[in-house]
PDB file of N, CA and C in Angstrom:
ATOM      1  N   UNK A   1     109.349  77.215  62.311  1.00  0.00           N
ATOM      2  CA  UNK A   1     109.053  75.785  62.385  1.00  0.00           C
ATOM      3  C   UNK A   1     109.781  75.082  61.253  1.00  0.00           C
ATOM      4  N   UNK A   2     110.537  74.081  61.605  1.00  0.00           N
ATOM      5  CA  UNK A   2     111.317  73.340  60.618  1.00  0.00           C
ATOM      6  C   UNK A   2     110.540  72.092  60.194  1.00  0.00           C
ATOM      7  N   UNK A   3     110.380  71.915  58.905  1.00  0.00           N
ATOM      8  CA  UNK A   3     109.676  70.746  58.375  1.00  0.00           C
ATOM      9  C   UNK A   3     110.712  69.725  57.941  1.00  0.00           C
ATOM     10  N   UNK A   4     110.572  68.522  58.459  1.00  0.00           N
ATOM     11  CA  UNK A   4     111.507  67.450  58.111  1.00  0.00           C
ATOM     12  C   UNK A   4     110.979  66.677  56.922  1.00  0.00           C
ATOM     13  N   UNK A   5     111.884  66.297  56.070  1.00  0.00           N
ATOM     14  CA  UNK A   5     111.551  65.462  54.921  1.00  0.00           C
ATOM     15  C   UNK A   5     111.512  64.009  55.373  1.00  0.00           C
ATOM     16  N   UNK A   6     110.458  63.309  55.013  1.00  0.00           N
ATOM     17  CA  UNK A   6     110.336  61.887  55.351  1.00  0.00           C
ATOM     18  C   UNK A   6     110.335  61.104  54.048  1.00  0.00           C
ATOM     19  N   UNK A   7     111.239  60.156  53.944  1.00  0.00           N
ATOM     20  CA  UNK A   7     111.287  59.306  52.753  1.00  0.00           C
ATOM     21  C   UNK A   7     110.313  58.146  52.966  1.00  0.00           C
ATOM     22  N   UNK A   8     109.083  58.306  52.455  1.00  0.00           N
ATOM     23  CA  UNK A   8     108.027  57.326  52.690  1.00  0.00           C
ATOM     24  C   UNK A   8     108.329  55.974  52.073  1.00  0.00           C
ATOM     25  N   UNK A   9     109.176  55.947  51.063  1.00  0.00           N
ATOM     26  CA  UNK A   9     109.495  54.676  50.417  1.00  0.00           C
ATOM     27  C   UNK A   9     110.413  53.819  51.276  1.00  0.00           C
ATOM     28  N   UNK A  10     111.048  54.403  52.267  1.00  0.00           N
ATOM     29  CA  UNK A  10     111.942  53.642  53.147  1.00  0.00           C
ATOM     30  C   UNK A  10     111.266  53.203  54.450  1.00  0.00           C
ATOM     31  N   UNK A  11     110.070  53.686  54.687  1.00  0.00           N
ATOM     32  CA  UNK A  11     109.348  53.285  55.888  1.00  0.00           C
ATOM     33  C   UNK A  11     108.760  51.884  55.692  1.00  0.00           C
ATOM     34  N   UNK A  12     108.617  51.115  56.776  1.00  0.00           N
ATOM     35  CA  UNK A  12     108.015  49.777  56.648  1.00  0.00           C
ATOM     36  C   UNK A  12     106.595  49.860  56.093  1.00  0.00           C
ATOM     37  N   UNK A  13     106.242  48.915  55.253  1.00  0.00           N
ATOM     38  CA  UNK A  13     104.934  48.902  54.605  1.00  0.00           C
ATOM     39  C   UNK A  13     103.786  48.867  55.614  1.00  0.00           C
ATOM     40  N   UNK A  14     103.980  48.184  56.729  1.00  0.00           N
ATOM     41  CA  UNK A  14     102.895  48.024  57.704  1.00  0.00           C
ATOM     42  C   UNK A  14     102.425  49.356  58.290  1.00  0.00           C
ATOM     43  N   UNK A  15     103.245  50.388  58.205  1.00  0.00           N
ATOM     44  CA  UNK A  15     102.835  51.696  58.701  1.00  0.00           C
ATOM     45  C   UNK A  15     101.663  52.217  57.891  1.00  0.00           C
ATOM     46  N   UNK A  16     101.629  51.889  56.592  1.00  0.00           N
ATOM     47  CA  UNK A  16     100.594  52.404  55.708  1.00  0.00           C
ATOM     48  C   UNK A  16      99.457  51.428  55.474  1.00  0.00           C
ATOM     49  N   UNK A  17      99.580  50.216  55.989  1.00  0.00           N
ATOM     50  CA  UNK A  17      98.530  49.234  55.757  1.00  0.00           C
ATOM     51  C   UNK A  17      97.293  49.602  56.562  1.00  0.00           C
ATOM     52  N   UNK A  18      96.168  49.596  55.880  1.00  0.00           N
ATOM     53  CA  UNK A  18      94.905  49.904  56.535  1.00  0.00           C
ATOM     54  C   UNK A  18      93.992  48.690  56.435  1.00  0.00           C
ATOM     55  N   UNK A  19      93.083  48.605  57.354  1.00  0.00           N
ATOM     56  CA  UNK A  19      92.099  47.534  57.356  1.00  0.00           C
ATOM     57  C   UNK A  19      90.718  48.157  57.261  1.00  0.00           C
ATOM     58  N   UNK A  20      89.820  47.436  56.639  1.00  0.00           N
ATOM     59  CA  UNK A  20      88.480  47.935  56.397  1.00  0.00           C
ATOM     60  C   UNK A  20      87.471  47.003  57.038  1.00  0.00           C
ATOM     61  N   UNK A  21      86.556  47.575  57.774  1.00  0.00           N
ATOM     62  CA  UNK A  21      85.380  46.847  58.236  1.00  0.00           C
ATOM     63  C   UNK A  21      84.276  47.231  57.262  1.00  0.00           C
ATOM     64  N   UNK A  22      83.591  46.235  56.721  1.00  0.00           N
ATOM     65  CA  UNK A  22      82.651  46.514  55.634  1.00  0.00           C
ATOM     66  C   UNK A  22      81.323  45.804  55.848  1.00  0.00           C
ATOM     67  N   UNK A  23      80.290  46.344  55.197  1.00  0.00           N
ATOM     68  CA  UNK A  23      78.967  45.730  55.209  1.00  0.00           C
ATOM     69  C   UNK A  23      78.519  45.591  53.762  1.00  0.00           C
ATOM     70  N   UNK A  24      78.147  44.372  53.407  1.00  0.00           N
ATOM     71  CA  UNK A  24      77.646  44.081  52.063  1.00  0.00           C
ATOM     72  C   UNK A  24      76.149  43.833  52.124  1.00  0.00           C
ATOM     73  N   UNK A  25      75.479  44.190  51.057  1.00  0.00           N
ATOM     74  CA  UNK A  25      74.053  43.930  50.931  1.00  0.00           C
ATOM     75  C   UNK A  25      73.862  42.905  49.823  1.00  0.00           C
ATOM     76  N   UNK A  26      73.186  41.817  50.140  1.00  0.00           N
ATOM     77  CA  UNK A  26      72.922  40.769  49.156  1.00  0.00           C
ATOM     78  C   UNK A  26      71.715  41.160  48.313  1.00  0.00           C
ATOM     79  N   UNK A  27      71.910  41.242  47.004  1.00  0.00           N
ATOM     80  CA  UNK A  27      70.801  41.547  46.104  1.00  0.00           C
ATOM     81  C   UNK A  27      69.882  40.339  45.920  1.00  0.00           C
ATOM     82  N   UNK A  28      70.350  39.174  46.342  1.00  0.00           N
ATOM     83  CA  UNK A  28      69.545  37.958  46.223  1.00  0.00           C
ATOM     84  C   UNK A  28      68.552  37.813  47.379  1.00  0.00           C
ATOM     85  N   UNK A  29      69.048  37.965  48.623  1.00  0.00           N
ATOM     86  CA  UNK A  29      68.166  37.733  49.771  1.00  0.00           C
ATOM     87  C   UNK A  29      67.922  38.979  50.634  1.00  0.00           C
ATOM     88  N   UNK A  30      68.483  40.111  50.233  1.00  0.00           N
ATOM     89  CA  UNK A  30      68.304  41.395  50.928  1.00  0.00           C
ATOM     90  C   UNK A  30      68.806  41.395  52.373  1.00  0.00           C
ATOM     91  N   UNK A  31      69.768  40.537  52.673  1.00  0.00           N
ATOM     92  CA  UNK A  31      70.383  40.514  53.994  1.00  0.00           C
ATOM     93  C   UNK A  31      71.767  41.140  53.930  1.00  0.00           C
ATOM     94  N   UNK A  32      72.279  41.510  55.107  1.00  0.00           N
ATOM     95  CA  UNK A  32      73.594  42.120  55.206  1.00  0.00           C
ATOM     96  C   UNK A  32      74.643  41.099  55.607  1.00  0.00           C
ATOM     97  N   UNK A  33      75.877  41.353  55.180  1.00  0.00           N
ATOM     98  CA  UNK A  33      77.022  40.562  55.612  1.00  0.00           C
ATOM     99  C   UNK A  33      78.096  41.539  56.073  1.00  0.00           C
ATOM    100  N   UNK A  34      78.684  41.293  57.233  1.00  0.00           N
ATOM    101  CA  UNK A  34      79.717  42.162  57.796  1.00  0.00           C
ATOM    102  C   UNK A  34      81.030  41.407  57.887  1.00  0.00           C
ATOM    103  N   UNK A  35      82.127  42.071  57.519  1.00  0.00           N
ATOM    104  CA  UNK A  35      83.440  41.456  57.607  1.00  0.00           C
ATOM    105  C   UNK A  35      84.521  42.506  57.697  1.00  0.00           C
ATOM    106  N   UNK A  36      85.788  42.059  57.676  1.00  0.00           N
ATOM    107  CA  UNK A  36      86.899  42.994  57.631  1.00  0.00           C
ATOM    108  C   UNK A  36      87.985  42.431  56.728  1.00  0.00           C
ATOM    109  N   UNK A  37      88.811  43.324  56.183  1.00  0.00           N
ATOM    110  CA  UNK A  37      89.848  42.924  55.236  1.00  0.00           C
ATOM    111  C   UNK A  37      90.887  44.026  55.120  1.00  0.00           C
ATOM    112  N   UNK A  38      92.017  43.703  54.522  1.00  0.00           N
ATOM    113  CA  UNK A  38      93.024  44.724  54.226  1.00  0.00           C
ATOM    114  C   UNK A  38      92.923  45.184  52.774  1.00  0.00           C
ATOM    115  N   UNK A  39      92.137  44.482  51.970  1.00  0.00           N
ATOM    116  CA  UNK A  39      91.969  44.851  50.548  1.00  0.00           C
ATOM    117  C   UNK A  39      90.486  44.750  50.207  1.00  0.00           C
ATOM    118  N   UNK A  40      89.799  45.851  50.312  1.00  0.00           N
ATOM    119  CA  UNK A  40      88.337  45.834  50.199  1.00  0.00           C
ATOM    120  C   UNK A  40      87.872  45.495  48.784  1.00  0.00           C
ATOM    121  N   UNK A  41      88.569  45.968  47.759  1.00  0.00           N
ATOM    122  CA  UNK A  41      88.159  45.658  46.386  1.00  0.00           C
ATOM    123  C   UNK A  41      88.327  44.175  46.082  1.00  0.00           C
ATOM    124  N   UNK A  42      89.447  43.613  46.510  1.00  0.00           N
ATOM    125  CA  UNK A  42      89.688  42.184  46.295  1.00  0.00           C
ATOM    126  C   UNK A  42      88.650  41.341  47.038  1.00  0.00           C
ATOM    127  N   UNK A  43      88.353  41.747  48.271  1.00  0.00           N
ATOM    128  CA  UNK A  43      87.405  40.973  49.081  1.00  0.00           C
ATOM    129  C   UNK A  43      85.996  41.013  48.503  1.00  0.00           C
ATOM    130  N   UNK A  44      85.573  42.177  48.004  1.00  0.00           N
ATOM    131  CA  UNK A  44      84.260  42.277  47.364  1.00  0.00           C
ATOM    132  C   UNK A  44      84.206  41.381  46.125  1.00  0.00           C
ATOM    133  N   UNK A  45      85.284  41.357  45.354  1.00  0.00           N
ATOM    134  CA  UNK A  45      85.339  40.468  44.187  1.00  0.00           C
ATOM    135  C   UNK A  45      85.247  39.008  44.603  1.00  0.00           C
ATOM    136  N   UNK A  46      85.950  38.639  45.673  1.00  0.00           N
ATOM    137  CA  UNK A  46      85.892  37.256  46.159  1.00  0.00           C
ATOM    138  C   UNK A  46      84.470  36.881  46.561  1.00  0.00           C
ATOM    139  N   UNK A  47      83.780  37.787  47.234  1.00  0.00           N
ATOM    140  CA  UNK A  47      82.390  37.519  47.611  1.00  0.00           C
ATOM    141  C   UNK A  47      81.533  37.334  46.363  1.00  0.00           C
ATOM    142  N   UNK A  48      81.675  38.205  45.400  1.00  0.00           N
ATOM    143  CA  UNK A  48      80.830  38.164  44.202  1.00  0.00           C
ATOM    144  C   UNK A  48      81.193  37.040  43.231  1.00  0.00           C
ATOM    145  N   UNK A  49      82.402  36.523  43.328  1.00  0.00           N
ATOM    146  CA  UNK A  49      82.808  35.393  42.484  1.00  0.00           C
ATOM    147  C   UNK A  49      82.496  34.050  43.143  1.00  0.00           C
ATOM    148  N   UNK A  50      81.957  34.064  44.343  1.00  0.00           N
ATOM    149  CA  UNK A  50      81.593  32.826  45.028  1.00  0.00           C
ATOM    150  C   UNK A  50      82.758  32.131  45.695  1.00  0.00           C
ATOM    151  N   UNK A  51      83.841  32.852  45.990  1.00  0.00           N
ATOM    152  CA  UNK A  51      85.032  32.254  46.597  1.00  0.00           C
ATOM    153  C   UNK A  51      84.980  32.245  48.121  1.00  0.00           C
ATOM    154  N   UNK A  52      83.938  32.831  48.701  1.00  0.00           N
ATOM    155  CA  UNK A  52      83.778  32.863  50.157  1.00  0.00           C
ATOM    156  C   UNK A  52      82.637  31.909  50.516  1.00  0.00           C
ATOM    157  N   UNK A  53      82.969  30.858  51.246  1.00  0.00           N
ATOM    158  CA  UNK A  53      81.990  29.799  51.525  1.00  0.00           C
ATOM    159  C   UNK A  53      80.721  30.330  52.192  1.00  0.00           C
ATOM    160  N   UNK A  54      80.868  31.266  53.123  1.00  0.00           N
ATOM    161  CA  UNK A  54      79.696  31.732  53.877  1.00  0.00           C
ATOM    162  C   UNK A  54      78.759  32.622  53.062  1.00  0.00           C
ATOM    163  N   UNK A  55      79.193  33.096  51.905  1.00  0.00           N
ATOM    164  CA  UNK A  55      78.339  33.997  51.118  1.00  0.00           C
ATOM    165  C   UNK A  55      78.124  33.541  49.676  1.00  0.00           C
ATOM    166  N   UNK A  56      78.675  32.419  49.285  1.00  0.00           N
ATOM    167  CA  UNK A  56      78.620  32.053  47.864  1.00  0.00           C
ATOM    168  C   UNK A  56      77.207  31.806  47.344  1.00  0.00           C
ATOM    169  N   UNK A  57      76.266  31.474  48.218  1.00  0.00           N
ATOM    170  CA  UNK A  57      74.893  31.221  47.772  1.00  0.00           C
ATOM    171  C   UNK A  57      74.004  32.469  47.894  1.00  0.00           C
ATOM    172  N   UNK A  58      74.614  33.609  48.255  1.00  0.00           N
ATOM    173  CA  UNK A  58      73.833  34.839  48.458  1.00  0.00           C
ATOM    174  C   UNK A  58      74.225  35.937  47.468  1.00  0.00           C
ATOM    175  N   UNK A  59      74.962  35.595  46.450  1.00  0.00           N
ATOM    176  CA  UNK A  59      75.442  36.583  45.468  1.00  0.00           C
ATOM    177  C   UNK A  59      74.309  37.072  44.593  1.00  0.00           C
ATOM    178  N   UNK A  60      74.457  38.258  44.030  1.00  0.00           N
ATOM    179  CA  UNK A  60      75.555  39.237  44.094  1.00  0.00           C
ATOM    180  C   UNK A  60      75.410  40.176  45.295  1.00  0.00           C
ATOM    181  N   UNK A  61      76.526  40.858  45.597  1.00  0.00           N
ATOM    182  CA  UNK A  61      76.592  41.793  46.706  1.00  0.00           C
ATOM    183  C   UNK A  61      76.967  43.180  46.225  1.00  0.00           C
ATOM    184  N   UNK A  62      76.523  44.172  46.976  1.00  0.00           N
ATOM    185  CA  UNK A  62      77.002  45.541  46.786  1.00  0.00           C
ATOM    186  C   UNK A  62      77.533  46.038  48.127  1.00  0.00           C
ATOM    187  N   UNK A  63      78.593  46.813  48.065  1.00  0.00           N
ATOM    188  CA  UNK A  63      79.162  47.412  49.266  1.00  0.00           C
ATOM    189  C   UNK A  63      78.287  48.590  49.671  1.00  0.00           C
ATOM    190  N   UNK A  64      77.746  48.547  50.873  1.00  0.00           N
ATOM    191  CA  UNK A  64      76.864  49.630  51.316  1.00  0.00           C
ATOM    192  C   UNK A  64      77.460  50.459  52.455  1.00  0.00           C
ATOM    193  N   UNK A  65      78.538  49.966  53.067  1.00  0.00           N
ATOM    194  CA  UNK A  65      79.127  50.697  54.186  1.00  0.00           C
ATOM    195  C   UNK A  65      80.528  50.173  54.436  1.00  0.00           C
ATOM    196  N   UNK A  66      81.449  51.078  54.779  1.00  0.00           N
ATOM    197  CA  UNK A  66      82.767  50.647  55.225  1.00  0.00           C
ATOM    198  C   UNK A  66      83.383  51.688  56.149  1.00  0.00           C
ATOM    199  N   UNK A  67      84.289  51.220  56.978  1.00  0.00           N
ATOM    200  CA  UNK A  67      85.070  52.074  57.875  1.00  0.00           C
ATOM    201  C   UNK A  67      86.534  51.687  57.711  1.00  0.00           C
ATOM    202  N   UNK A  68      87.415  52.647  57.880  1.00  0.00           N
ATOM    203  CA  UNK A  68      88.852  52.396  57.768  1.00  0.00           C
ATOM    204  C   UNK A  68      89.451  52.352  59.164  1.00  0.00           C
ATOM    205  N   UNK A  69      90.261  51.323  59.419  1.00  0.00           N
ATOM    206  CA  UNK A  69      90.972  51.186  60.689  1.00  0.00           C
ATOM    207  C   UNK A  69      92.470  51.135  60.402  1.00  0.00           C
ATOM    208  N   UNK A  70      93.263  51.596  61.346  1.00  0.00           N
ATOM    209  CA  UNK A  70      94.704  51.662  61.137  1.00  0.00           C
ATOM    210  C   UNK A  70      95.432  50.376  61.499  1.00  0.00           C
ATOM    211  N   UNK A  71      94.715  49.418  62.093  1.00  0.00           N
ATOM    212  CA  UNK A  71      95.343  48.125  62.366  1.00  0.00           C
ATOM    213  C   UNK A  71      94.282  47.029  62.387  1.00  0.00           C
ATOM    214  N   UNK A  72      94.754  45.806  62.280  1.00  0.00           N
ATOM    215  CA  UNK A  72      93.859  44.651  62.171  1.00  0.00           C
ATOM    216  C   UNK A  72      93.036  44.441  63.434  1.00  0.00           C
ATOM    217  N   UNK A  73      93.637  44.670  64.581  1.00  0.00           N
ATOM    218  CA  UNK A  73      92.940  44.449  65.851  1.00  0.00           C
ATOM    219  C   UNK A  73      91.715  45.351  65.973  1.00  0.00           C
ATOM    220  N   UNK A  74      91.874  46.616  65.601  1.00  0.00           N
ATOM    221  CA  UNK A  74      90.740  47.547  65.660  1.00  0.00           C
ATOM    222  C   UNK A  74      89.653  47.163  64.660  1.00  0.00           C
ATOM    223  N   UNK A  75      90.062  46.719  63.474  1.00  0.00           N
ATOM    224  CA  UNK A  75      89.081  46.319  62.457  1.00  0.00           C
ATOM    225  C   UNK A  75      88.286  45.101  62.931  1.00  0.00           C
ATOM    226  N   UNK A  76      88.965  44.128  63.533  1.00  0.00           N
ATOM    227  CA  UNK A  76      88.285  42.940  64.048  1.00  0.00           C
ATOM    228  C   UNK A  76      87.328  43.309  65.184  1.00  0.00           C
ATOM    229  N   UNK A  77      87.769  44.188  66.060  1.00  0.00           N
ATOM    230  CA  UNK A  77      86.907  44.639  67.161  1.00  0.00           C
ATOM    231  C   UNK A  77      85.669  45.355  66.607  1.00  0.00           C
ATOM    232  N   UNK A  78      85.872  46.177  65.585  1.00  0.00           N
ATOM    233  CA  UNK A  78      84.749  46.903  64.989  1.00  0.00           C
ATOM    234  C   UNK A  78      83.790  45.940  64.295  1.00  0.00           C
ATOM    235  N   UNK A  79      84.337  44.924  63.606  1.00  0.00           N
ATOM    236  CA  UNK A  79      83.493  43.912  62.964  1.00  0.00           C
ATOM    237  C   UNK A  79      82.623  43.212  64.002  1.00  0.00           C
ATOM    238  N   UNK A  80      83.217  42.829  65.110  1.00  0.00           N
ATOM    239  CA  UNK A  80      82.450  42.149  66.160  1.00  0.00           C
ATOM    240  C   UNK A  80      81.349  43.043  66.703  1.00  0.00           C
ATOM    241  N   UNK A  81      81.651  44.328  66.868  1.00  0.00           N
ATOM    242  CA  UNK A  81      80.626  45.252  67.350  1.00  0.00           C
ATOM    243  C   UNK A  81      79.480  45.363  66.341  1.00  0.00           C
ATOM    244  N   UNK A  82      79.802  45.529  65.058  1.00  0.00           N
ATOM    245  CA  UNK A  82      78.761  45.699  64.046  1.00  0.00           C
ATOM    246  C   UNK A  82      77.891  44.451  63.901  1.00  0.00           C
ATOM    247  N   UNK A  83      78.414  43.291  64.306  1.00  0.00           N
ATOM    248  CA  UNK A  83      77.627  42.055  64.267  1.00  0.00           C
ATOM    249  C   UNK A  83      76.763  41.886  65.524  1.00  0.00           C
ATOM    250  N   UNK A  84      77.013  42.697  66.540  1.00  0.00           N
ATOM    251  CA  UNK A  84      76.238  42.601  67.781  1.00  0.00           C
ATOM    252  C   UNK A  84      74.875  43.277  67.607  1.00  0.00           C
ATOM    253  N   UNK A  85      74.024  43.125  68.576  1.00  0.00           N
ATOM    254  CA  UNK A  85      72.700  43.743  68.527  1.00  0.00           C
ATOM    255  C   UNK A  85      72.768  45.258  68.385  1.00  0.00           C
ATOM    256  N   UNK A  86      73.601  45.894  69.215  1.00  0.00           N
ATOM    257  CA  UNK A  86      73.755  47.348  69.121  1.00  0.00           C
ATOM    258  C   UNK A  86      74.402  47.756  67.814  1.00  0.00           C
ATOM    259  N   UNK A  87      75.321  46.944  67.326  1.00  0.00           N
ATOM    260  CA  UNK A  87      75.969  47.231  66.050  1.00  0.00           C
ATOM    261  C   UNK A  87      74.988  47.168  64.890  1.00  0.00           C
ATOM    262  N   UNK A  88      74.073  46.224  64.941  1.00  0.00           N
ATOM    263  CA  UNK A  88      73.056  46.118  63.889  1.00  0.00           C
ATOM    264  C   UNK A  88      72.118  47.325  63.912  1.00  0.00           C
ATOM    265  N   UNK A  89      71.811  47.796  65.110  1.00  0.00           N
ATOM    266  CA  UNK A  89      71.000  49.009  65.226  1.00  0.00           C
ATOM    267  C   UNK A  89      71.762  50.199  64.642  1.00  0.00           C
ATOM    268  N   UNK A  90      73.055  50.297  64.959  1.00  0.00           N
ATOM    269  CA  UNK A  90      73.896  51.371  64.437  1.00  0.00           C
ATOM    270  C   UNK A  90      73.903  51.357  62.905  1.00  0.00           C
ATOM    271  N   UNK A  91      74.135  50.193  62.309  1.00  0.00           N
ATOM    272  CA  UNK A  91      74.161  50.083  60.843  1.00  0.00           C
ATOM    273  C   UNK A  91      72.784  50.420  60.271  1.00  0.00           C
ATOM    274  N   UNK A  92      71.737  49.943  60.906  1.00  0.00           N
ATOM    275  CA  UNK A  92      70.389  50.263  60.442  1.00  0.00           C
ATOM    276  C   UNK A  92      70.134  51.763  60.411  1.00  0.00           C
ATOM    277  N   UNK A  93      70.601  52.461  61.448  1.00  0.00           N
ATOM    278  CA  UNK A  93      70.441  53.916  61.489  1.00  0.00           C
ATOM    279  C   UNK A  93      71.309  54.613  60.444  1.00  0.00           C
ATOM    280  N   UNK A  94      72.541  54.125  60.260  1.00  0.00           N
ATOM    281  CA  UNK A  94      73.442  54.738  59.276  1.00  0.00           C
ATOM    282  C   UNK A  94      72.924  54.562  57.853  1.00  0.00           C
ATOM    283  N   UNK A  95      72.252  53.445  57.598  1.00  0.00           N
ATOM    284  CA  UNK A  95      71.802  53.121  56.242  1.00  0.00           C
ATOM    285  C   UNK A  95      70.302  53.331  56.061  1.00  0.00           C
ATOM    286  N   UNK A  96      69.679  54.018  56.981  1.00  0.00           N
ATOM    287  CA  UNK A  96      68.225  54.211  56.950  1.00  0.00           C
ATOM    288  C   UNK A  96      67.756  54.789  55.615  1.00  0.00           C
ATOM    289  N   UNK A  97      68.419  55.813  55.141  1.00  0.00           N
ATOM    290  CA  UNK A  97      68.011  56.451  53.890  1.00  0.00           C
ATOM    291  C   UNK A  97      68.286  55.556  52.688  1.00  0.00           C
ATOM    292  N   UNK A  98      69.378  54.817  52.738  1.00  0.00           N
ATOM    293  CA  UNK A  98      69.694  53.883  51.654  1.00  0.00           C
ATOM    294  C   UNK A  98      68.570  52.859  51.504  1.00  0.00           C
ATOM    295  N   UNK A  99      68.151  52.280  52.630  1.00  0.00           N
ATOM    296  CA  UNK A  99      67.114  51.257  52.561  1.00  0.00           C
ATOM    297  C   UNK A  99      65.747  51.840  52.214  1.00  0.00           C
ATOM    298  N   UNK A 100      65.451  53.040  52.679  1.00  0.00           N
ATOM    299  CA  UNK A 100      64.162  53.640  52.323  1.00  0.00           C
ATOM    300  C   UNK A 100      64.130  53.971  50.835  1.00  0.00           C
ATOM    301  N   UNK A 101      65.239  54.428  50.266  1.00  0.00           N
ATOM    302  CA  UNK A 101      65.303  54.673  48.823  1.00  0.00           C
ATOM    303  C   UNK A 101      65.175  53.371  48.038  1.00  0.00           C
ATOM    304  N   UNK A 102      65.805  52.318  48.537  1.00  0.00           N
ATOM    305  CA  UNK A 102      65.749  51.037  47.853  1.00  0.00           C
ATOM    306  C   UNK A 102      64.303  50.497  47.875  1.00  0.00           C
ATOM    307  N   UNK A 103      63.625  50.621  49.011  1.00  0.00           N
ATOM    308  CA  UNK A 103      62.250  50.150  49.117  1.00  0.00           C
ATOM    309  C   UNK A 103      61.338  50.906  48.162  1.00  0.00           C
ATOM    310  N   UNK A 104      61.539  52.227  48.039  1.00  0.00           N
ATOM    311  CA  UNK A 104      60.683  52.995  47.123  1.00  0.00           C
ATOM    312  C   UNK A 104      60.969  52.614  45.680  1.00  0.00           C
ATOM    313  N   UNK A 105      62.220  52.291  45.338  1.00  0.00           N
ATOM    314  CA  UNK A 105      62.539  51.837  43.989  1.00  0.00           C
ATOM    315  C   UNK A 105      61.894  50.484  43.691  1.00  0.00           C
ATOM    316  N   UNK A 106      61.902  49.609  44.679  1.00  0.00           N
ATOM    317  CA  UNK A 106      61.286  48.288  44.499  1.00  0.00           C
ATOM    318  C   UNK A 106      59.788  48.442  44.297  1.00  0.00           C
ATOM    319  N   UNK A 107      59.168  49.315  45.086  1.00  0.00           N
ATOM    320  CA  UNK A 107      57.727  49.532  44.960  1.00  0.00           C
ATOM    321  C   UNK A 107      57.360  50.143  43.606  1.00  0.00           C
ATOM    322  N   UNK A 108      58.246  51.009  43.065  1.00  0.00           N
ATOM    323  CA  UNK A 108      57.991  51.609  41.748  1.00  0.00           C
ATOM    324  C   UNK A 108      58.368  50.663  40.613  1.00  0.00           C
ATOM    325  N   UNK A 109      59.143  49.631  40.935  1.00  0.00           N
ATOM    326  CA  UNK A 109      59.564  48.672  39.906  1.00  0.00           C
ATOM    327  C   UNK A 109      60.726  49.168  39.065  1.00  0.00           C
ATOM    328  N   UNK A 110      61.552  50.058  39.629  1.00  0.00           N
ATOM    329  CA  UNK A 110      62.724  50.555  38.896  1.00  0.00           C
ATOM    330  C   UNK A 110      63.997  50.007  39.438  1.00  0.00           C
TER     331      UNK A 110
END
């Protein structure tokens, strides 16, 4: 089997660009926010700095869930699903232990 050398620096940047569908938890109102982005760290900072109109009054946020998609269309489709009724059930099931741990910490006052 012959292995070909690929010069990754000469490939178009869009081949490596990934998109993230993410879920944030508001520490202020205990609600979730779902979105998508190509730069998850930058987007979380924008949310926490109050630069996003839809979330500026719900700060601070913590990232509680994310998925990686290989293109923007898939990330947008996934965001729409996670915002749907079935998507909310899916996220609730995925984060069940996170929320149960958080509730026990709140009850203990830690």
